[in-house]
């Protein structure tokens, strides 16, 4: 059962939208191999606004994921994002997942 998650919002520089989309698409295999996220979504919220939502069984998984990927997100941000990513820690109060 998932209990915690991350909601990350990024604003792409207008001329970097295709690169941000490509970067988000390329990360899914890395997250899968990492094996701590129960679910992971890359989202387009607007013309230049993107989001990431992922959820974890516990706080240890969330922190491990952030430790493994947070610096890469910040590093990409300098080149691709109009501002620093907004990272929100969320509690999952209900979920419907395949197999449950």
N, C-alpha and C. Protein backbone atom coordinates (compact mmCIF):
# COMPACT_ATOMS: atom_id res chain seq x y z
N UNK A 1 0.83 -1.18 0.00
CA UNK A 1 0.00 0.00 0.00
C UNK A 1 0.88 1.25 0.00
N UNK A 2 0.56 2.19 -0.85
CA UNK A 2 1.32 3.43 -0.89
C UNK A 2 0.85 4.35 0.23
N UNK A 3 1.80 5.07 0.79
CA UNK A 3 1.46 5.97 1.89
C UNK A 3 1.96 7.39 1.68
N UNK A 4 3.01 7.55 0.89
CA UNK A 4 3.60 8.88 0.67
C UNK A 4 3.94 9.06 -0.80
N UNK A 5 4.08 10.32 -1.19
CA UNK A 5 4.42 10.59 -2.58
C UNK A 5 5.14 11.91 -2.74
N UNK A 6 5.42 12.22 -3.98
CA UNK A 6 6.03 13.49 -4.36
C UNK A 6 5.22 14.07 -5.50
N UNK A 7 4.99 15.35 -5.44
CA UNK A 7 4.35 16.08 -6.53
C UNK A 7 5.33 17.18 -6.92
N UNK A 8 5.90 17.03 -8.10
CA UNK A 8 6.94 17.94 -8.56
C UNK A 8 6.43 18.69 -9.77
N UNK A 9 6.61 20.00 -9.75
CA UNK A 9 6.15 20.85 -10.85
C UNK A 9 7.37 21.55 -11.42
N UNK A 10 7.49 21.50 -12.76
CA UNK A 10 8.59 22.19 -13.43
C UNK A 10 8.04 23.06 -14.55
N UNK A 11 8.64 24.20 -14.69
CA UNK A 11 8.27 25.14 -15.75
C UNK A 11 9.43 25.18 -16.74
N UNK A 12 9.18 24.68 -17.95
CA UNK A 12 10.22 24.64 -18.97
C UNK A 12 10.46 26.03 -19.55
N UNK A 13 11.69 26.30 -19.91
CA UNK A 13 11.96 27.50 -20.71
C UNK A 13 11.21 27.30 -22.02
N UNK A 14 10.58 28.35 -22.56
CA UNK A 14 9.75 28.17 -23.76
C UNK A 14 10.47 27.48 -24.93
N UNK A 15 11.76 27.73 -25.08
CA UNK A 15 12.50 27.11 -26.18
C UNK A 15 13.04 25.72 -25.83
N UNK A 16 12.77 25.24 -24.62
CA UNK A 16 13.29 23.95 -24.17
C UNK A 16 12.20 22.90 -23.93
N UNK A 17 10.96 23.20 -24.32
CA UNK A 17 9.84 22.29 -24.08
C UNK A 17 10.10 20.88 -24.64
N UNK A 18 10.54 20.75 -25.90
CA UNK A 18 10.78 19.38 -26.41
C UNK A 18 11.85 18.63 -25.62
N UNK A 19 12.88 19.34 -25.15
CA UNK A 19 13.93 18.70 -24.38
C UNK A 19 13.42 18.25 -23.01
N UNK A 20 12.58 19.07 -22.38
CA UNK A 20 12.01 18.67 -21.08
C UNK A 20 11.14 17.44 -21.25
N UNK A 21 10.31 17.43 -22.27
CA UNK A 21 9.45 16.27 -22.52
C UNK A 21 10.30 15.02 -22.77
N UNK A 22 11.34 15.15 -23.57
CA UNK A 22 12.21 14.01 -23.86
C UNK A 22 12.93 13.53 -22.60
N UNK A 23 13.38 14.45 -21.77
CA UNK A 23 14.04 14.08 -20.53
C UNK A 23 13.10 13.30 -19.63
N UNK A 24 11.88 13.79 -19.48
CA UNK A 24 10.91 13.09 -18.62
C UNK A 24 10.59 11.70 -19.16
N UNK A 25 10.46 11.57 -20.47
CA UNK A 25 10.20 10.25 -21.05
C UNK A 25 11.38 9.30 -20.83
N UNK A 26 12.59 9.83 -20.86
CA UNK A 26 13.77 8.98 -20.71
C UNK A 26 14.00 8.50 -19.29
N UNK A 27 13.43 9.18 -18.31
CA UNK A 27 13.67 8.86 -16.91
C UNK A 27 12.88 7.63 -16.45
N UNK A 28 11.80 7.29 -17.12
CA UNK A 28 10.94 6.21 -16.65
C UNK A 28 11.69 4.89 -16.48
N UNK A 29 12.60 4.57 -17.37
CA UNK A 29 13.34 3.31 -17.22
C UNK A 29 14.25 3.33 -16.00
N UNK A 30 14.86 4.48 -15.73
CA UNK A 30 15.71 4.62 -14.55
C UNK A 30 14.89 4.43 -13.27
N UNK A 31 13.71 5.03 -13.23
CA UNK A 31 12.83 4.90 -12.06
C UNK A 31 12.40 3.44 -11.90
N UNK A 32 12.10 2.80 -13.00
CA UNK A 32 11.69 1.39 -12.96
C UNK A 32 12.83 0.53 -12.38
N UNK A 33 14.05 0.76 -12.85
CA UNK A 33 15.20 -0.01 -12.37
C UNK A 33 15.49 0.26 -10.90
N UNK A 34 15.27 1.49 -10.47
CA UNK A 34 15.49 1.87 -9.09
C UNK A 34 14.63 1.02 -8.15
N UNK A 35 13.38 0.79 -8.55
CA UNK A 35 12.51 -0.14 -7.85
C UNK A 35 11.88 0.33 -6.55
N UNK A 36 11.90 1.61 -6.23
CA UNK A 36 11.27 2.05 -4.98
C UNK A 36 9.93 2.74 -5.20
N UNK A 37 9.71 3.32 -6.37
CA UNK A 37 8.42 3.96 -6.65
C UNK A 37 7.39 2.89 -7.02
N UNK A 38 6.23 2.96 -6.40
CA UNK A 38 5.14 2.05 -6.74
C UNK A 38 4.48 2.51 -8.03
N UNK A 39 4.30 3.82 -8.16
CA UNK A 39 3.79 4.43 -9.39
C UNK A 39 4.63 5.67 -9.69
N UNK A 40 4.74 6.00 -10.97
CA UNK A 40 5.48 7.18 -11.40
C UNK A 40 4.82 7.70 -12.66
N UNK A 41 4.52 8.98 -12.66
CA UNK A 41 3.88 9.61 -13.82
C UNK A 41 4.63 10.88 -14.18
N UNK A 42 4.86 11.09 -15.46
CA UNK A 42 5.31 12.39 -15.97
C UNK A 42 4.09 13.00 -16.65
N UNK A 43 3.82 14.25 -16.35
CA UNK A 43 2.59 14.91 -16.80
C UNK A 43 2.89 16.20 -17.53
N UNK A 44 2.04 16.52 -18.51
CA UNK A 44 2.07 17.86 -19.10
C UNK A 44 0.84 18.57 -18.55
N UNK A 45 1.08 19.69 -17.88
CA UNK A 45 0.00 20.44 -17.25
C UNK A 45 -0.39 21.68 -18.04
N UNK A 46 0.44 22.08 -18.97
CA UNK A 46 0.18 23.26 -19.80
C UNK A 46 1.25 23.33 -20.87
N UNK A 47 1.25 24.39 -21.67
CA UNK A 47 2.20 24.48 -22.78
C UNK A 47 3.66 24.34 -22.36
N UNK A 48 4.03 24.92 -21.22
CA UNK A 48 5.41 24.84 -20.75
C UNK A 48 5.52 24.27 -19.34
N UNK A 49 4.41 23.80 -18.79
CA UNK A 49 4.38 23.30 -17.43
C UNK A 49 4.27 21.78 -17.41
N UNK A 50 5.16 21.16 -16.65
CA UNK A 50 5.19 19.71 -16.53
C UNK A 50 5.14 19.33 -15.06
N UNK A 51 4.76 18.10 -14.81
CA UNK A 51 4.74 17.61 -13.45
C UNK A 51 5.19 16.17 -13.38
N UNK A 52 5.58 15.78 -12.20
CA UNK A 52 5.92 14.39 -11.91
C UNK A 52 5.16 14.03 -10.64
N UNK A 53 4.48 12.91 -10.68
CA UNK A 53 3.88 12.38 -9.46
C UNK A 53 4.38 10.97 -9.29
N UNK A 54 4.90 10.69 -8.11
CA UNK A 54 5.27 9.32 -7.79
C UNK A 54 4.90 9.02 -6.36
N UNK A 55 4.67 7.74 -6.09
CA UNK A 55 4.23 7.33 -4.76
C UNK A 55 5.05 6.13 -4.30
N UNK A 56 5.14 6.02 -2.97
CA UNK A 56 6.02 5.05 -2.34
C UNK A 56 5.32 4.37 -1.18
N UNK A 57 5.82 3.21 -0.81
CA UNK A 57 5.26 2.47 0.31
C UNK A 57 5.53 3.19 1.62
N UNK A 58 6.70 3.82 1.73
CA UNK A 58 7.05 4.46 3.00
C UNK A 58 8.01 5.62 2.77
N UNK A 59 8.30 6.30 3.86
CA UNK A 59 9.19 7.45 3.81
C UNK A 59 10.60 7.08 3.34
N UNK A 60 11.06 5.91 3.73
CA UNK A 60 12.41 5.48 3.32
C UNK A 60 12.50 5.38 1.80
N UNK A 61 11.48 4.86 1.15
CA UNK A 61 11.47 4.78 -0.31
C UNK A 61 11.47 6.15 -0.95
N UNK A 62 10.66 7.05 -0.41
CA UNK A 62 10.60 8.41 -0.95
C UNK A 62 11.95 9.09 -0.83
N UNK A 63 12.58 8.98 0.33
CA UNK A 63 13.88 9.62 0.53
C UNK A 63 14.96 9.00 -0.35
N UNK A 64 14.93 7.68 -0.51
CA UNK A 64 15.91 7.01 -1.38
C UNK A 64 15.76 7.50 -2.82
N UNK A 65 14.51 7.65 -3.26
CA UNK A 65 14.26 8.13 -4.61
C UNK A 65 14.76 9.56 -4.79
N UNK A 66 14.48 10.41 -3.83
CA UNK A 66 14.96 11.80 -3.91
C UNK A 66 16.47 11.87 -3.89
N UNK A 67 17.08 11.05 -3.06
CA UNK A 67 18.54 11.04 -2.98
C UNK A 67 19.15 10.61 -4.30
N UNK A 68 18.54 9.62 -4.94
CA UNK A 68 19.07 9.10 -6.21
C UNK A 68 18.82 10.03 -7.38
N UNK A 69 17.74 10.84 -7.33
CA UNK A 69 17.35 11.60 -8.51
C UNK A 69 17.26 13.11 -8.34
N UNK A 70 17.25 13.57 -7.12
CA UNK A 70 17.07 15.00 -6.88
C UNK A 70 18.13 15.87 -7.51
N UNK A 71 19.37 15.47 -7.39
CA UNK A 71 20.46 16.28 -7.94
C UNK A 71 20.40 16.34 -9.46
N UNK A 72 20.04 15.24 -10.11
CA UNK A 72 19.92 15.24 -11.57
C UNK A 72 18.81 16.18 -12.02
N UNK A 73 17.71 16.22 -11.27
CA UNK A 73 16.61 17.13 -11.60
C UNK A 73 17.06 18.57 -11.46
N UNK A 74 17.79 18.87 -10.39
CA UNK A 74 18.27 20.24 -10.21
C UNK A 74 19.29 20.62 -11.29
N UNK A 75 20.15 19.69 -11.65
CA UNK A 75 21.16 19.96 -12.67
C UNK A 75 20.50 20.22 -14.02
N UNK A 76 19.50 19.44 -14.38
CA UNK A 76 18.78 19.65 -15.63
C UNK A 76 18.07 21.00 -15.60
N UNK A 77 17.62 21.39 -14.42
CA UNK A 77 16.88 22.62 -14.26
C UNK A 77 17.64 23.85 -14.71
N UNK A 78 18.91 23.90 -14.45
CA UNK A 78 19.69 25.08 -14.82
C UNK A 78 19.63 25.35 -16.32
N UNK A 79 19.60 24.30 -17.10
CA UNK A 79 19.58 24.44 -18.55
C UNK A 79 18.17 24.47 -19.13
N UNK A 80 17.27 23.68 -18.55
CA UNK A 80 15.96 23.46 -19.17
C UNK A 80 14.79 24.20 -18.54
N UNK A 81 14.88 24.53 -17.26
CA UNK A 81 13.72 25.07 -16.54
C UNK A 81 13.81 26.58 -16.36
N UNK A 82 12.66 27.23 -16.40
CA UNK A 82 12.58 28.68 -16.21
C UNK A 82 12.80 29.05 -14.74
N UNK A 83 12.55 28.11 -13.84
CA UNK A 83 12.73 28.33 -12.41
C UNK A 83 13.01 26.99 -11.74
N UNK A 84 13.40 27.02 -10.49
CA UNK A 84 13.67 25.78 -9.77
C UNK A 84 12.40 24.93 -9.67
N UNK A 85 12.55 23.61 -9.74
CA UNK A 85 11.39 22.74 -9.58
C UNK A 85 10.74 22.93 -8.21
N UNK A 86 9.44 22.82 -8.18
CA UNK A 86 8.69 22.85 -6.93
C UNK A 86 8.48 21.40 -6.51
N UNK A 87 8.99 21.04 -5.34
CA UNK A 87 8.89 19.67 -4.85
C UNK A 87 8.02 19.67 -3.61
N UNK A 88 6.89 18.98 -3.70
CA UNK A 88 5.97 18.89 -2.57
C UNK A 88 5.92 17.45 -2.06
N UNK A 89 6.05 17.30 -0.77
CA UNK A 89 5.87 16.01 -0.13
C UNK A 89 4.38 15.85 0.14
N UNK A 90 3.82 14.72 -0.26
CA UNK A 90 2.38 14.50 -0.06
C UNK A 90 2.16 13.17 0.67
N UNK A 91 1.05 13.11 1.38
CA UNK A 91 0.59 11.87 1.99
C UNK A 91 -0.51 11.30 1.11
N UNK A 92 -0.44 10.03 0.80
CA UNK A 92 -1.46 9.37 0.00
C UNK A 92 -2.52 8.85 0.97
N UNK A 93 -3.74 9.35 0.81
CA UNK A 93 -4.81 8.93 1.73
C UNK A 93 -5.69 7.83 1.14
N UNK A 94 -5.65 7.64 -0.18
CA UNK A 94 -6.38 6.55 -0.83
C UNK A 94 -5.75 6.34 -2.20
N UNK A 95 -5.78 5.10 -2.67
CA UNK A 95 -5.23 4.78 -3.98
C UNK A 95 -5.94 3.57 -4.57
N UNK A 96 -5.98 3.52 -5.87
CA UNK A 96 -6.46 2.35 -6.59
C UNK A 96 -5.34 1.95 -7.54
N UNK A 97 -4.78 0.79 -7.32
CA UNK A 97 -3.66 0.32 -8.11
C UNK A 97 -4.00 -1.04 -8.71
N UNK A 98 -3.41 -1.37 -9.86
CA UNK A 98 -3.66 -2.69 -10.44
C UNK A 98 -3.28 -3.79 -9.44
N UNK A 99 -4.08 -4.81 -9.40
CA UNK A 99 -3.80 -5.93 -8.53
C UNK A 99 -4.27 -5.79 -7.09
N UNK A 100 -4.85 -4.65 -6.78
CA UNK A 100 -5.35 -4.46 -5.40
C UNK A 100 -6.84 -4.64 -5.35
